[in-house]
């Protein structure tokens, strides 16, 4: 089972907000998910992106692949850089 970290849409018509979820890659966009790790609201000024950093890092270390949009949001939040630093540290220790 391939696992992705992606957005699932919530909110009403013309006023989107999203949940950042960990889901099976075969599941529909707004379908069943494994875990909810955060929220993203692009309509706020500035856009709101709240994510549980530890839970997200845990799923990334387990092999979950973020979509391009989620990856760019993780980069802006600094989580993607932290993930790669931790990965590099594990390699150096081994």
N, C-alpha and C. Protein backbone atom coordinates (compact mmCIF):
# COMPACT_ATOMS: atom_id res chain seq x y z
N UNK A 1 0.85 -1.18 0.00
CA UNK A 1 0.00 0.00 0.00
C UNK A 1 0.89 1.24 0.00
N UNK A 2 0.79 2.05 -1.04
CA UNK A 2 1.54 3.31 -1.12
C UNK A 2 0.77 4.38 -0.35
N UNK A 3 1.48 5.10 0.49
CA UNK A 3 0.84 6.10 1.34
C UNK A 3 1.29 7.49 0.90
N UNK A 4 0.33 8.40 0.83
CA UNK A 4 0.59 9.78 0.42
C UNK A 4 0.14 10.75 1.51
N UNK A 5 0.84 11.86 1.61
CA UNK A 5 0.38 12.98 2.44
C UNK A 5 -0.19 13.98 1.45
N UNK A 6 -1.48 14.25 1.56
CA UNK A 6 -2.13 15.11 0.57
C UNK A 6 -3.25 15.94 1.19
N UNK A 7 -3.86 16.78 0.36
CA UNK A 7 -4.95 17.65 0.81
C UNK A 7 -6.28 17.00 0.49
N UNK A 8 -7.23 17.16 1.39
CA UNK A 8 -8.60 16.76 1.12
C UNK A 8 -9.46 18.01 1.32
N UNK A 9 -10.36 18.26 0.40
CA UNK A 9 -11.11 19.52 0.40
C UNK A 9 -12.27 19.50 1.38
N UNK A 10 -12.41 20.60 2.09
CA UNK A 10 -13.57 20.84 2.94
C UNK A 10 -14.05 22.26 2.63
N UNK A 11 -15.06 22.71 3.30
CA UNK A 11 -15.55 24.05 3.05
C UNK A 11 -16.65 24.05 2.02
N UNK A 12 -17.29 25.18 1.92
CA UNK A 12 -18.42 25.25 1.00
C UNK A 12 -17.98 25.73 -0.38
N UNK A 13 -18.95 25.85 -1.27
CA UNK A 13 -18.70 26.27 -2.64
C UNK A 13 -17.99 27.63 -2.68
N UNK A 14 -16.95 27.73 -3.47
CA UNK A 14 -16.16 28.95 -3.66
C UNK A 14 -15.44 29.43 -2.40
N UNK A 15 -15.40 28.64 -1.34
CA UNK A 15 -14.70 28.99 -0.11
C UNK A 15 -13.98 27.75 0.41
N UNK A 16 -12.93 27.33 -0.30
CA UNK A 16 -12.27 26.08 0.08
C UNK A 16 -11.39 26.20 1.31
N UNK A 17 -11.31 25.12 2.03
CA UNK A 17 -10.30 24.93 3.06
C UNK A 17 -9.93 23.45 2.96
N UNK A 18 -8.77 23.11 3.44
CA UNK A 18 -8.28 21.75 3.24
C UNK A 18 -7.78 21.15 4.53
N UNK A 19 -7.85 19.83 4.61
CA UNK A 19 -7.20 19.07 5.67
C UNK A 19 -5.98 18.42 5.05
N UNK A 20 -4.90 18.38 5.81
CA UNK A 20 -3.70 17.67 5.37
C UNK A 20 -3.82 16.29 5.98
N UNK A 21 -3.91 15.27 5.13
CA UNK A 21 -4.15 13.91 5.61
C UNK A 21 -3.12 12.93 5.04
N UNK A 22 -2.99 11.82 5.75
CA UNK A 22 -2.19 10.69 5.27
C UNK A 22 -3.20 9.67 4.77
N UNK A 23 -3.10 9.30 3.50
CA UNK A 23 -4.09 8.40 2.91
C UNK A 23 -3.42 7.43 1.93
N UNK A 24 -4.10 6.33 1.69
CA UNK A 24 -3.67 5.39 0.66
C UNK A 24 -3.76 6.10 -0.68
N UNK A 25 -2.76 5.90 -1.52
CA UNK A 25 -2.73 6.61 -2.80
C UNK A 25 -3.89 6.24 -3.72
N UNK A 26 -4.51 5.08 -3.50
CA UNK A 26 -5.63 4.64 -4.33
C UNK A 26 -6.98 5.18 -3.85
N UNK A 27 -7.02 5.75 -2.64
CA UNK A 27 -8.28 6.26 -2.08
C UNK A 27 -8.69 7.55 -2.80
N UNK A 28 -10.01 7.81 -2.91
CA UNK A 28 -10.46 9.05 -3.55
C UNK A 28 -10.02 10.28 -2.75
N UNK A 29 -9.97 11.43 -3.41
CA UNK A 29 -9.47 12.67 -2.79
C UNK A 29 -10.14 12.97 -1.45
N UNK A 30 -11.45 12.92 -1.41
CA UNK A 30 -12.16 13.24 -0.18
C UNK A 30 -12.62 11.98 0.55
N UNK A 31 -12.01 10.87 0.23
CA UNK A 31 -12.41 9.59 0.82
C UNK A 31 -11.73 9.31 2.15
N UNK A 32 -11.65 8.04 2.43
CA UNK A 32 -11.10 7.56 3.69
C UNK A 32 -9.61 7.89 3.81
N UNK A 33 -9.19 8.24 5.02
CA UNK A 33 -7.78 8.53 5.25
C UNK A 33 -7.31 7.84 6.52
N UNK A 34 -5.99 7.73 6.67
CA UNK A 34 -5.38 7.03 7.79
C UNK A 34 -5.24 7.96 9.00
N UNK A 35 -4.72 9.16 8.76
CA UNK A 35 -4.50 10.12 9.84
C UNK A 35 -4.64 11.54 9.32
N UNK A 36 -5.11 12.42 10.19
CA UNK A 36 -5.18 13.84 9.84
C UNK A 36 -4.03 14.54 10.55
N UNK A 37 -3.18 15.23 9.80
CA UNK A 37 -1.99 15.83 10.39
C UNK A 37 -2.03 17.36 10.41
N UNK A 38 -3.00 17.98 9.75
CA UNK A 38 -3.05 19.44 9.78
C UNK A 38 -4.18 20.02 8.95
N UNK A 39 -4.16 21.36 8.84
CA UNK A 39 -5.15 22.08 8.06
C UNK A 39 -4.45 23.16 7.22
N UNK A 40 -5.10 23.51 6.12
CA UNK A 40 -4.60 24.57 5.24
C UNK A 40 -5.79 25.38 4.77
N UNK A 41 -5.72 26.70 5.00
CA UNK A 41 -6.80 27.60 4.57
C UNK A 41 -6.20 28.68 3.67
N UNK A 42 -6.32 28.51 2.35
CA UNK A 42 -5.70 29.46 1.42
C UNK A 42 -6.42 30.80 1.32
N UNK A 43 -7.65 30.89 1.79
CA UNK A 43 -8.43 32.12 1.65
C UNK A 43 -8.08 33.16 2.71
N UNK A 44 -7.45 32.76 3.81
CA UNK A 44 -7.06 33.73 4.83
C UNK A 44 -5.89 34.55 4.32
N UNK A 45 -5.69 35.71 4.91
CA UNK A 45 -4.58 36.57 4.52
C UNK A 45 -3.69 36.81 5.72
N UNK A 46 -2.51 36.25 5.83
CA UNK A 46 -1.85 35.30 4.95
C UNK A 46 -2.47 33.90 5.09
N UNK A 47 -2.27 33.05 4.09
CA UNK A 47 -2.85 31.70 4.15
C UNK A 47 -2.40 30.96 5.42
N UNK A 48 -3.32 30.24 6.03
CA UNK A 48 -3.04 29.53 7.28
C UNK A 48 -2.67 28.08 6.97
N UNK A 49 -1.52 27.67 7.50
CA UNK A 49 -1.07 26.29 7.36
C UNK A 49 -0.61 25.81 8.72
N UNK A 50 -1.43 24.98 9.36
CA UNK A 50 -1.11 24.42 10.66
C UNK A 50 -0.96 22.92 10.51
N UNK A 51 0.16 22.40 11.00
CA UNK A 51 0.40 20.98 10.86
C UNK A 51 1.11 20.48 12.11
N UNK A 52 0.80 19.25 12.51
CA UNK A 52 1.47 18.61 13.63
C UNK A 52 2.84 18.13 13.13
N UNK A 53 3.88 18.86 13.50
CA UNK A 53 5.21 18.61 12.96
C UNK A 53 5.71 17.20 13.28
N UNK A 54 5.56 16.76 14.51
CA UNK A 54 6.07 15.45 14.91
C UNK A 54 5.36 14.33 14.17
N UNK A 55 4.05 14.44 14.05
CA UNK A 55 3.28 13.41 13.35
C UNK A 55 3.64 13.37 11.86
N UNK A 56 3.81 14.55 11.27
CA UNK A 56 4.19 14.62 9.86
C UNK A 56 5.57 14.00 9.64
N UNK A 57 6.52 14.33 10.49
CA UNK A 57 7.87 13.77 10.38
C UNK A 57 7.84 12.25 10.55
N UNK A 58 7.01 11.78 11.47
CA UNK A 58 6.88 10.34 11.69
C UNK A 58 6.42 9.64 10.41
N UNK A 59 5.41 10.21 9.75
CA UNK A 59 4.90 9.60 8.52
C UNK A 59 5.91 9.71 7.38
N UNK A 60 6.65 10.81 7.31
CA UNK A 60 7.67 10.95 6.28
C UNK A 60 8.78 9.92 6.47
N UNK A 61 9.18 9.68 7.71
CA UNK A 61 10.20 8.68 7.98
C UNK A 61 9.70 7.26 7.69
N UNK A 62 8.40 7.05 7.79
CA UNK A 62 7.82 5.75 7.46
C UNK A 62 7.71 5.53 5.96
N UNK A 63 7.93 6.57 5.16
CA UNK A 63 7.90 6.42 3.72
C UNK A 63 6.73 7.06 3.01
N UNK A 64 5.91 7.81 3.71
CA UNK A 64 4.79 8.50 3.07
C UNK A 64 5.33 9.58 2.13
N UNK A 65 4.78 9.66 0.93
CA UNK A 65 5.22 10.62 -0.07
C UNK A 65 4.24 11.79 -0.13
N UNK A 66 4.71 13.03 0.08
CA UNK A 66 3.80 14.17 -0.04
C UNK A 66 3.54 14.52 -1.50
N UNK A 67 2.36 15.06 -1.77
CA UNK A 67 2.08 15.55 -3.11
C UNK A 67 2.89 16.83 -3.32
N UNK A 68 2.94 17.32 -4.54
CA UNK A 68 3.73 18.53 -4.82
C UNK A 68 3.24 19.72 -4.00
N UNK A 69 1.93 19.87 -3.88
CA UNK A 69 1.37 21.00 -3.14
C UNK A 69 1.74 20.90 -1.67
N UNK A 70 1.58 19.73 -1.09
CA UNK A 70 1.91 19.54 0.32
C UNK A 70 3.41 19.72 0.53
N UNK A 71 4.23 19.23 -0.40
CA UNK A 71 5.68 19.39 -0.28
C UNK A 71 6.05 20.87 -0.25
N UNK A 72 5.42 21.68 -1.11
CA UNK A 72 5.75 23.11 -1.12
C UNK A 72 5.31 23.78 0.19
N UNK A 73 4.17 23.35 0.75
CA UNK A 73 3.73 23.89 2.02
C UNK A 73 4.67 23.48 3.15
N UNK A 74 5.15 22.23 3.10
CA UNK A 74 6.10 21.76 4.12
C UNK A 74 7.43 22.51 4.01
N UNK A 75 7.83 22.84 2.79
CA UNK A 75 9.06 23.63 2.60
C UNK A 75 8.91 25.00 3.24
N UNK A 76 7.78 25.65 3.00
CA UNK A 76 7.55 26.98 3.55
C UNK A 76 7.52 26.95 5.08
N UNK A 77 7.02 25.85 5.65
CA UNK A 77 6.94 25.72 7.11
C UNK A 77 8.27 25.27 7.72
N UNK A 78 9.23 24.83 6.88
CA UNK A 78 10.52 24.39 7.38
C UNK A 78 10.59 22.93 7.79
N UNK A 79 9.49 22.21 7.61
CA UNK A 79 9.44 20.80 8.01
C UNK A 79 10.20 19.92 7.03
N UNK A 80 10.14 20.24 5.75
CA UNK A 80 10.83 19.45 4.73
C UNK A 80 12.34 19.48 4.97
N UNK A 81 12.88 20.64 5.31
CA UNK A 81 14.31 20.78 5.59
C UNK A 81 14.68 19.97 6.83
N UNK A 82 13.86 20.05 7.85
CA UNK A 82 14.11 19.30 9.08
C UNK A 82 14.10 17.79 8.81
N UNK A 83 13.19 17.33 7.95
CA UNK A 83 13.12 15.92 7.59
C UNK A 83 14.42 15.46 6.94
N UNK A 84 14.94 16.26 6.00
CA UNK A 84 16.18 15.89 5.32
C UNK A 84 17.39 15.95 6.25
N UNK A 85 17.39 16.89 7.19
CA UNK A 85 18.48 16.96 8.17
C UNK A 85 18.48 15.72 9.06
N UNK A 86 17.31 15.31 9.54
CA UNK A 86 17.21 14.11 10.38
C UNK A 86 17.62 12.87 9.60
N UNK A 87 17.25 12.81 8.33
CA UNK A 87 17.60 11.70 7.48
C UNK A 87 19.13 11.62 7.29
N UNK A 88 19.75 12.79 7.09
CA UNK A 88 21.21 12.86 6.94
C UNK A 88 21.91 12.42 8.23
N UNK A 89 21.38 12.84 9.39
CA UNK A 89 21.97 12.47 10.68
C UNK A 89 21.91 10.96 10.89
N UNK A 90 20.78 10.34 10.53
CA UNK A 90 20.64 8.89 10.67
C UNK A 90 21.65 8.16 9.79
N UNK A 91 21.90 8.69 8.58
CA UNK A 91 22.87 8.08 7.67
C UNK A 91 24.28 8.19 8.25
N UNK A 92 24.59 9.34 8.84
CA UNK A 92 25.93 9.58 9.39
C UNK A 92 26.21 8.67 10.59
N UNK A 93 25.20 8.38 11.39
CA UNK A 93 25.34 7.53 12.58
C UNK A 93 25.51 6.08 12.16
N UNK A 94 24.82 5.67 11.12
CA UNK A 94 24.86 4.25 10.68
C UNK A 94 26.14 3.87 10.00
